[in-house]
Amino acid sequence: MIRNPIGTRRFRFRVPRFLMLATLVASGGCGESTSEPAQPADDDIMVLNSTGQTLAAFSVSETVTASGAPVDLGAGFDGDRVDLTAAFAVTTVSSFGGSRVLFVDLSSGSLSTSFFPAPEGDLANPSAASFDAQGIAWVGGRGSDAVYRLMPGDTLAESIAREVGTFVERVLPVGERLFVVDANIDDDGGSYEPLGPGRIVVLSRTGVELQIIDLPPGAFNPTEGVVWGSDMIVLAAGTFDSATFLPANDGALVVVDLEAGTTGPLLALEANGVSLEPGADGFVYVSTTADFQTLNLLRFDPASGDFARGPADPIPVVGGAGRRVDCWAATALADGRIVCVTFSFAESGRLVVASAGGSFIHEVASGFGTTDLALR
């Protein structure tokens, strides 16, 4: 999920990213904890359950409680990211499900579906979608190397640019420009190995290429970005051994100056990156894994350009049973409380609320295969 807290080539095919990683990471789940009567909500959280194929709402006050019935996203749903406006949520379905964009009306819970135009159609293999301030959703085609725009109710997405990079992972709208995260990996050959460092392709809103920002050497496989003021924080997720599937632990963050078109140095994660989420507390939260078994949660300070809790000092989030929590994705409320979700194929994940230091406050079951959360 990406939000700004300050105000004709051969088509490709890709397993959804979360499925590749989730088959390796073992995140435990547990049943819903006993809760006290809910207090008036001061924050709302939307949770995307990828394998459960639902979008669920929760309210957080002194405790966390479910808000209404989850929205059924339908058979074939396999998206792993969600973005929000005040009125709508948007998520995408990969080529496995026919390359679709789903909009959820947050008032009624109704679902609408948009498709991709010929020639790629169901082979577009869309990446995560991002809303702009006007409520337009922008989507990259991993398979089609194209950038699309659409709005809730549109039957077809509109292609505004083609031949954009080699593997478009994200399109971030900023004013009159689009910043396109190109992972620059080999999906033509099927190896998904990096062809080199990732890139940021800058387009006008009509699809005209304005600039290419090369990420620093070693910034391999960028998968996510968060726009923060005049900067973009990019998650270079890193690589893994194609024979052993062991992580190379070469993930990093890179800060991109959007006005100058320049980048800062690599900020090593000492692990592979899993997720990147903005917090309402002025920090950005990064989940990492060094072994595809456990997950660590880091806190990045955009004001200083460095980690507030770095790879050597991750936040020790604790669950209701007194054990550490593997946060697949996490954010924070304005008061600093951490909200994180765990992922599990076998049973429901957990939505855990903890103090800024990681001490347990409350938790509930989040749903099967929880992969993203967003503050509403």
Protein backbone atom coordinates (compact mmCIF):
# COMPACT_ATOMS: atom_id res chain seq x y z
CA MET A 1 0.00 0.00 0.00
CA ILE A 2 1.34 3.40 -0.97
CA ARG A 3 0.10 6.65 0.44
CA ASN A 4 1.63 10.07 0.96
CA PRO A 5 1.46 10.86 4.68
CA ILE A 6 2.23 14.56 3.94
CA GLY A 7 -0.86 15.59 2.16
CA THR A 8 4.05 -5.36 -28.45
CA ARG A 9 6.62 -7.31 -26.67
CA ARG A 10 6.39 -10.94 -25.63
CA PHE A 11 4.05 -11.04 -22.68
CA ARG A 12 5.38 -12.33 -19.41
CA PHE A 13 3.96 -14.36 -16.58
CA ARG A 14 4.69 -14.17 -12.89
CA VAL A 15 3.65 -16.03 -9.77
CA PRO A 16 2.28 -13.45 -7.30
CA ARG A 17 5.23 -12.28 -5.22
CA PHE A 18 3.65 -13.12 -1.89
CA LEU A 19 3.11 -16.75 -2.94
CA MET A 20 6.79 -17.19 -3.78
CA LEU A 21 7.87 -15.84 -0.40
CA ALA A 22 5.00 -17.19 1.67
CA THR A 23 5.76 -20.79 0.75
CA LEU A 24 9.14 -20.27 2.43
CA VAL A 25 8.28 -18.11 5.43
CA ALA A 26 6.58 -19.94 8.28
CA SER A 27 4.47 -17.41 10.19
CA GLY A 28 2.37 -18.82 13.00
CA GLY A 29 -1.26 -17.98 13.64
CA CYS A 30 -3.51 -18.26 16.63
CA GLY A 31 -7.15 -17.91 17.51
CA GLU A 32 -8.75 -14.65 18.51
CA SER A 33 -7.83 -13.54 21.99
CA THR A 34 -10.41 -12.74 24.63
CA SER A 35 -11.30 -9.06 24.42
CA GLU A 36 -12.96 -6.53 26.65
CA PRO A 37 -15.92 -4.53 25.36
CA ALA A 38 -14.75 -2.24 22.58
CA GLN A 39 -14.18 1.43 23.32
CA PRO A 40 -15.07 4.12 20.76
CA ALA A 41 -12.80 3.63 17.77
CA ASP A 42 -10.06 6.18 17.14
CA ASP A 43 -8.53 4.44 14.11
CA ASP A 44 -9.82 2.17 11.36
CA ILE A 45 -7.67 -0.50 9.73
CA MET A 46 -8.39 -2.35 6.48
CA VAL A 47 -6.79 -5.78 6.17
CA LEU A 48 -6.32 -7.74 2.94
CA ASN A 49 -6.55 -11.52 3.25
CA SER A 50 -5.01 -12.91 0.09
CA THR A 51 -5.64 -16.63 0.48
CA GLY A 52 -8.87 -15.98 2.39
CA GLN A 53 -9.93 -13.71 -0.52
CA THR A 54 -11.48 -11.04 1.70
CA LEU A 55 -11.05 -7.40 2.66
CA ALA A 56 -11.81 -6.90 6.34
CA ALA A 57 -12.24 -3.79 8.49
CA PHE A 58 -11.16 -3.38 12.11
CA SER A 59 -11.49 -0.59 14.67
CA VAL A 60 -8.72 0.22 17.13
CA SER A 61 -9.19 2.01 20.41
CA GLU A 62 -8.15 0.46 23.72
CA THR A 63 -8.77 -2.87 22.02
CA VAL A 64 -9.15 -3.96 18.40
CA THR A 65 -12.44 -5.31 17.06
CA ALA A 66 -13.82 -6.38 13.69
CA SER A 67 -16.12 -3.86 11.96
CA GLY A 68 -18.83 -5.64 10.05
CA ALA A 69 -18.53 -8.63 7.74
CA PRO A 70 -15.49 -8.94 5.47
CA VAL A 71 -15.98 -8.20 1.76
CA ASP A 72 -15.75 -11.33 -0.41
CA LEU A 73 -13.26 -10.64 -3.23
CA GLY A 74 -14.32 -13.68 -5.22
CA ALA A 75 -12.83 -16.90 -6.52
CA GLY A 76 -9.43 -16.59 -8.11
CA PHE A 77 -8.39 -13.58 -6.05
CA ASP A 78 -4.66 -13.61 -5.27
CA GLY A 79 -3.76 -9.95 -4.76
CA ASP A 80 -1.34 -9.01 -2.01
CA ARG A 81 -1.65 -5.21 -1.74
CA VAL A 82 -4.49 -2.74 -1.17
CA ASP A 83 -4.76 1.04 -1.44
CA LEU A 84 -7.53 3.33 -0.16
CA THR A 85 -9.35 6.58 -0.70
CA ALA A 86 -12.07 7.78 1.67
CA ALA A 87 -14.66 6.01 -0.49
CA PHE A 88 -12.93 3.09 -2.22
CA ALA A 89 -10.35 0.34 -1.87
CA VAL A 90 -8.45 -1.06 -4.84
CA THR A 91 -6.54 -4.29 -5.32
CA THR A 92 -5.47 -6.43 -8.27
CA VAL A 93 -5.55 -10.04 -9.46
CA SER A 94 -2.57 -11.60 -11.24
CA SER A 95 -2.49 -13.48 -14.55
CA PHE A 96 -3.52 -16.62 -12.67
CA GLY A 97 -6.92 -15.04 -12.10
CA GLY A 98 -7.19 -13.30 -15.45
CA SER A 99 -5.49 -9.93 -14.75
CA ARG A 100 -8.21 -7.87 -13.10
CA VAL A 101 -8.58 -4.77 -10.95
CA LEU A 102 -11.10 -4.87 -8.11
CA PHE A 103 -12.70 -1.80 -6.54
CA VAL A 104 -14.57 -2.05 -3.22
CA ASP A 105 -17.09 0.63 -2.25
CA LEU A 106 -16.24 1.10 1.43
CA SER A 107 -19.74 2.37 2.28
CA SER A 108 -21.79 -0.41 0.73
CA GLY A 109 -19.20 -3.20 0.47
CA SER A 110 -20.09 -3.67 -3.20
CA LEU A 111 -17.43 -4.96 -5.59
CA SER A 112 -16.74 -3.90 -9.19
CA THR A 113 -14.26 -5.41 -11.64
CA SER A 114 -12.17 -3.80 -14.37
CA PHE A 115 -10.15 -5.56 -17.05
CA PHE A 116 -7.18 -4.77 -19.28
CA PRO A 117 -7.36 -3.89 -22.98
CA ALA A 118 -6.07 -5.92 -25.91
CA PRO A 119 -3.54 -7.05 -26.91
CA GLU A 120 -2.41 -8.16 -23.43
CA GLY A 121 -5.82 -8.68 -21.81
CA ASP A 122 -5.56 -11.32 -19.12
CA LEU A 123 -1.76 -11.53 -19.56
CA ALA A 124 -1.13 -8.02 -18.25
CA ASN A 125 -0.27 -9.45 -14.80
CA PRO A 126 -0.92 -6.22 -12.87
CA SER A 127 1.17 -5.03 -9.98
CA ALA A 128 -0.36 -3.26 -6.99
CA ALA A 129 -2.57 -0.25 -7.69
CA SER A 130 -2.12 3.27 -6.28
CA PHE A 131 -4.76 5.99 -5.99
CA ASP A 132 -3.94 9.63 -6.65
CA ALA A 133 -5.59 12.65 -5.04
CA GLN A 134 -8.33 12.67 -7.70
CA GLY A 135 -9.31 9.05 -7.02
CA ILE A 136 -7.68 7.72 -10.21
CA ALA A 137 -6.00 4.33 -9.81
CA TRP A 138 -2.63 3.78 -11.51
CA VAL A 139 -1.44 0.23 -12.22
CA GLY A 140 1.65 -1.29 -13.77
CA GLY A 141 1.59 -4.41 -15.93
CA ARG A 142 4.39 -6.75 -14.91
CA GLY A 143 3.71 -8.88 -17.95
CA SER A 144 2.86 -6.16 -20.45
CA ASP A 145 5.49 -3.62 -19.29
CA ALA A 146 2.73 -1.01 -19.51
CA VAL A 147 1.20 1.64 -17.27
CA TYR A 148 -2.58 1.97 -16.96
CA ARG A 149 -5.10 4.36 -15.44
CA LEU A 150 -8.71 3.73 -14.43
CA MET A 151 -11.41 4.73 -11.97
CA PRO A 152 -14.08 2.81 -10.06
CA GLY A 153 -16.79 1.80 -12.51
CA ASP A 154 -14.52 1.65 -15.56
CA THR A 155 -14.90 -1.58 -17.52
CA LEU A 156 -11.44 -1.35 -19.09
CA ALA A 157 -8.21 0.21 -17.90
CA GLU A 158 -6.65 2.75 -20.24
CA SER A 159 -3.06 2.07 -21.37
CA ILE A 160 -1.08 5.32 -21.27
CA ALA A 161 2.49 4.00 -21.79
CA ARG A 162 4.10 0.83 -23.13
CA GLU A 163 7.62 -0.59 -23.12
CA VAL A 164 8.16 0.87 -19.65
CA GLY A 165 11.04 -1.04 -18.05
CA THR A 166 11.19 -4.82 -17.87
CA PHE A 167 9.04 -5.62 -14.83
CA VAL A 168 6.83 -2.82 -13.51
CA GLU A 169 6.25 -3.26 -9.79
CA ARG A 170 4.55 -0.01 -8.81
CA VAL A 171 3.28 3.29 -10.22
CA LEU A 172 3.36 6.20 -7.77
CA PRO A 173 1.41 9.32 -8.83
CA VAL A 174 2.94 12.56 -7.55
CA GLY A 175 1.34 15.75 -8.84
CA GLU A 176 1.61 15.81 -12.62
CA ARG A 177 4.19 13.03 -12.75
CA LEU A 178 4.21 9.25 -12.40
CA PHE A 179 7.16 7.52 -10.76
CA VAL A 180 7.31 3.95 -12.04
CA VAL A 181 9.28 1.36 -10.04
CA ASP A 182 10.97 -0.99 -12.53
CA ALA A 183 12.38 -4.11 -10.85
CA ASN A 184 14.60 -4.76 -13.91
CA ILE A 185 14.51 -8.54 -13.63
CA ASP A 186 14.60 -11.31 -16.23
CA ASP A 187 11.08 -12.63 -16.57
CA ASP A 188 11.57 -13.22 -20.33
CA GLY A 189 14.04 -16.00 -19.55
CA GLY A 190 12.01 -17.19 -16.59
CA SER A 191 14.91 -16.89 -14.14
CA TYR A 192 13.67 -13.68 -12.47
CA GLU A 193 17.30 -12.82 -11.86
CA PRO A 194 18.22 -9.11 -11.78
CA LEU A 195 19.39 -7.66 -15.07
CA GLY A 196 21.00 -4.92 -13.01
CA PRO A 197 19.94 -2.43 -10.34
CA GLY A 198 16.35 -1.27 -10.41
CA ARG A 199 15.21 2.00 -11.95
CA ILE A 200 12.59 4.69 -11.48
CA VAL A 201 11.02 5.70 -14.79
CA VAL A 202 9.43 9.15 -14.61
CA LEU A 203 6.42 9.74 -16.87
CA SER A 204 3.96 12.54 -17.44
CA ARG A 205 0.35 11.71 -16.64
CA THR A 206 -0.17 11.23 -20.38
CA GLY A 207 2.64 8.66 -20.58
CA VAL A 208 5.51 10.73 -21.97
CA GLU A 209 8.88 9.60 -20.61
CA LEU A 210 10.56 12.47 -18.77
CA GLN A 211 13.50 10.86 -17.00
CA ILE A 212 15.06 7.60 -15.85
CA ILE A 213 16.55 7.51 -12.35
CA ASP A 214 19.00 4.63 -11.94
CA LEU A 215 19.10 3.20 -8.45
CA PRO A 216 22.56 2.64 -6.92
CA PRO A 217 24.55 -0.52 -7.70
CA GLY A 218 23.27 -3.31 -5.47
CA ALA A 219 19.69 -2.04 -5.36
CA PHE A 220 18.26 -5.25 -6.75
CA ASN A 221 14.61 -6.14 -7.26
CA PRO A 222 12.81 -3.00 -6.02
CA THR A 223 9.26 -3.98 -5.16
CA GLU A 224 7.71 -1.11 -3.20
CA GLY A 225 7.89 2.61 -2.63
CA VAL A 226 6.47 5.18 -0.23
CA VAL A 227 6.20 8.85 -1.20
CA TRP A 228 7.11 11.10 1.71
CA GLY A 229 7.11 14.82 1.02
CA SER A 230 9.54 15.41 -1.86
CA ASP A 231 11.23 12.01 -1.41
CA MET A 232 10.40 8.45 -2.27
CA ILE A 233 11.62 5.63 -0.08
CA VAL A 234 12.20 2.53 -2.20
CA LEU A 235 12.41 -1.04 -0.94
CA ALA A 236 14.95 -3.05 -2.92
CA ALA A 237 13.83 -6.48 -1.77
CA GLY A 238 17.05 -8.25 -2.76
CA THR A 239 17.73 -11.64 -4.31
CA PHE A 240 17.82 -15.31 -3.40
CA ASP A 241 19.75 -18.34 -4.62
CA SER A 242 17.78 -19.98 -7.44
CA ALA A 243 19.11 -23.44 -6.49
CA THR A 244 18.80 -23.39 -2.70
CA PHE A 245 16.19 -20.61 -2.39
CA LEU A 246 18.20 -19.16 0.48
CA PRO A 247 18.00 -15.36 0.76
CA ALA A 248 21.09 -13.44 -0.30
CA ASN A 249 20.39 -10.91 2.48
CA ASP A 250 21.14 -8.07 0.07
CA GLY A 251 17.96 -6.06 0.50
CA ALA A 252 18.18 -2.30 1.03
CA LEU A 253 16.31 0.99 1.25
CA VAL A 254 17.08 3.85 -1.12
CA VAL A 255 15.84 7.41 -0.70
CA VAL A 256 15.09 9.14 -4.02
CA ASP A 257 14.87 12.93 -4.25
CA LEU A 258 11.91 13.35 -6.59
CA GLU A 259 12.68 16.97 -7.48
CA ALA A 260 16.39 16.54 -8.15
CA GLY A 261 16.07 13.05 -9.62
CA THR A 262 18.96 11.81 -7.48
CA THR A 263 19.36 8.95 -5.01
CA GLY A 264 20.97 8.53 -1.65
CA PRO A 265 23.24 5.62 -0.72
CA LEU A 266 22.10 2.06 -0.14
CA LEU A 267 20.84 1.52 3.39
CA ALA A 268 21.45 -2.19 3.92
CA LEU A 269 18.73 -4.28 5.54
CA GLU A 270 21.14 -7.17 6.24
CA ALA A 271 18.24 -9.33 5.06
CA ASN A 272 15.72 -9.51 2.24
CA GLY A 273 12.85 -7.04 2.21
CA VAL A 274 9.25 -8.22 2.58
CA SER A 275 7.05 -5.13 3.03
CA LEU A 276 7.20 -1.35 3.33
CA GLU A 277 4.43 0.68 5.01
CA PRO A 278 4.06 4.35 6.04
CA GLY A 279 3.07 5.03 9.62
CA ALA A 280 0.90 7.85 10.92
CA ASP A 281 3.60 8.49 13.55
CA GLY A 282 6.12 9.96 11.09
CA PHE A 283 8.05 6.76 10.49
CA VAL A 284 8.13 4.08 7.78
CA TYR A 285 8.01 0.41 8.76
CA VAL A 286 9.98 -2.34 7.00
CA SER A 287 9.54 -6.09 7.43
CA THR A 288 12.56 -8.23 6.56
CA THR A 289 13.65 -11.86 6.59
CA ALA A 290 17.17 -13.25 6.73
CA ASP A 291 16.26 -16.93 6.60
CA PHE A 292 12.74 -17.25 5.09
CA GLN A 293 11.67 -18.56 8.50
CA THR A 294 11.33 -15.50 10.73
CA LEU A 295 10.56 -11.83 10.14
CA ASN A 296 12.00 -8.69 11.74
CA LEU A 297 10.39 -5.26 11.95
CA LEU A 298 12.49 -2.12 11.36
CA ARG A 299 11.59 1.55 11.80
CA PHE A 300 12.92 4.11 9.29
CA ASP A 301 13.02 7.84 9.99
CA PRO A 302 12.46 9.88 6.80
CA ALA A 303 13.47 13.08 8.63
CA SER A 304 16.99 11.83 9.31
CA GLY A 305 17.26 9.51 6.32
CA ASP A 306 18.34 6.65 8.56
CA PHE A 307 16.93 3.86 10.71
CA ALA A 308 15.42 4.65 14.10
CA ARG A 309 15.37 0.88 14.74
CA GLY A 310 17.71 -0.79 12.29
CA PRO A 311 18.79 -4.27 11.29
CA ALA A 312 20.90 -4.70 14.42
CA ASP A 313 18.09 -3.49 16.69
CA PRO A 314 14.69 -4.61 15.30
CA ILE A 315 11.47 -3.91 17.20
CA PRO A 316 10.62 -6.97 19.35
CA VAL A 317 6.85 -7.16 18.80
CA VAL A 318 5.22 -9.53 21.30
CA GLY A 319 1.86 -11.30 20.94
CA GLY A 320 -0.79 -12.32 23.44
CA ALA A 321 0.94 -15.59 24.27
CA GLY A 322 4.10 -13.72 25.25
CA ARG A 323 6.03 -14.88 22.18
CA ARG A 324 7.63 -12.77 19.45
CA VAL A 325 5.45 -11.93 16.48
CA ASP A 326 6.57 -12.28 12.86
CA CYS A 327 5.07 -9.14 11.31
CA TRP A 328 4.46 -9.71 7.61
CA ALA A 329 3.43 -6.05 7.31
CA ALA A 330 3.16 -3.31 9.93
CA THR A 331 2.30 0.33 10.36
CA ALA A 332 1.77 2.65 13.32
CA LEU A 333 -1.01 4.89 14.61
CA ALA A 334 -0.43 8.58 15.27
CA ASP A 335 0.24 7.84 18.95
CA GLY A 336 3.06 5.44 18.03
CA ARG A 337 1.24 2.17 18.68
CA ILE A 338 2.30 -0.49 16.20
CA VAL A 339 -0.29 -2.45 14.25
CA CYS A 340 1.04 -5.54 12.49
CA VAL A 341 -0.37 -8.58 10.71
CA THR A 342 0.97 -12.11 10.53
CA PHE A 343 0.65 -14.45 7.59
CA SER A 344 -0.43 -18.09 7.67
CA PHE A 345 -1.68 -20.52 5.03
CA ALA A 346 -2.92 -23.07 7.57
CA GLU A 347 -4.91 -20.88 9.96
CA SER A 348 -5.93 -17.32 10.50
CA GLY A 349 -3.24 -14.74 10.84
CA ARG A 350 -3.30 -12.15 13.62
CA LEU A 351 -3.82 -8.42 13.78
CA VAL A 352 -1.61 -7.39 16.69
CA VAL A 353 -1.54 -4.00 18.40
CA ALA A 354 1.63 -3.26 20.39
CA SER A 355 3.33 -0.30 21.99
CA ALA A 356 5.95 1.67 20.07
CA GLY A 357 8.55 -0.55 21.72
CA GLY A 358 6.71 -3.76 20.80
CA SER A 359 4.96 -4.63 24.09
CA PHE A 360 1.68 -6.48 23.64
CA ILE A 361 -1.60 -4.55 23.90
CA HIS A 362 -4.26 -6.58 22.06
CA GLU A 363 -4.83 -8.92 19.12
CA VAL A 364 -7.58 -10.54 17.07
CA ALA A 365 -7.71 -13.04 14.24
CA SER A 366 -7.17 -11.17 10.94
CA GLY A 367 -8.07 -13.82 8.35
CA PHE A 368 -6.34 -16.41 6.21
CA GLY A 369 -3.27 -15.34 4.28
CA THR A 370 -3.16 -11.73 5.50
CA THR A 371 -0.65 -9.82 3.36
CA ASP A 372 -1.43 -6.11 3.70
CA LEU A 373 -3.03 -3.52 5.96
CA ALA A 374 -3.91 0.13 5.52
CA LEU A 375 -4.92 2.93 7.85
CA ARG A 376 -8.25 4.43 6.85
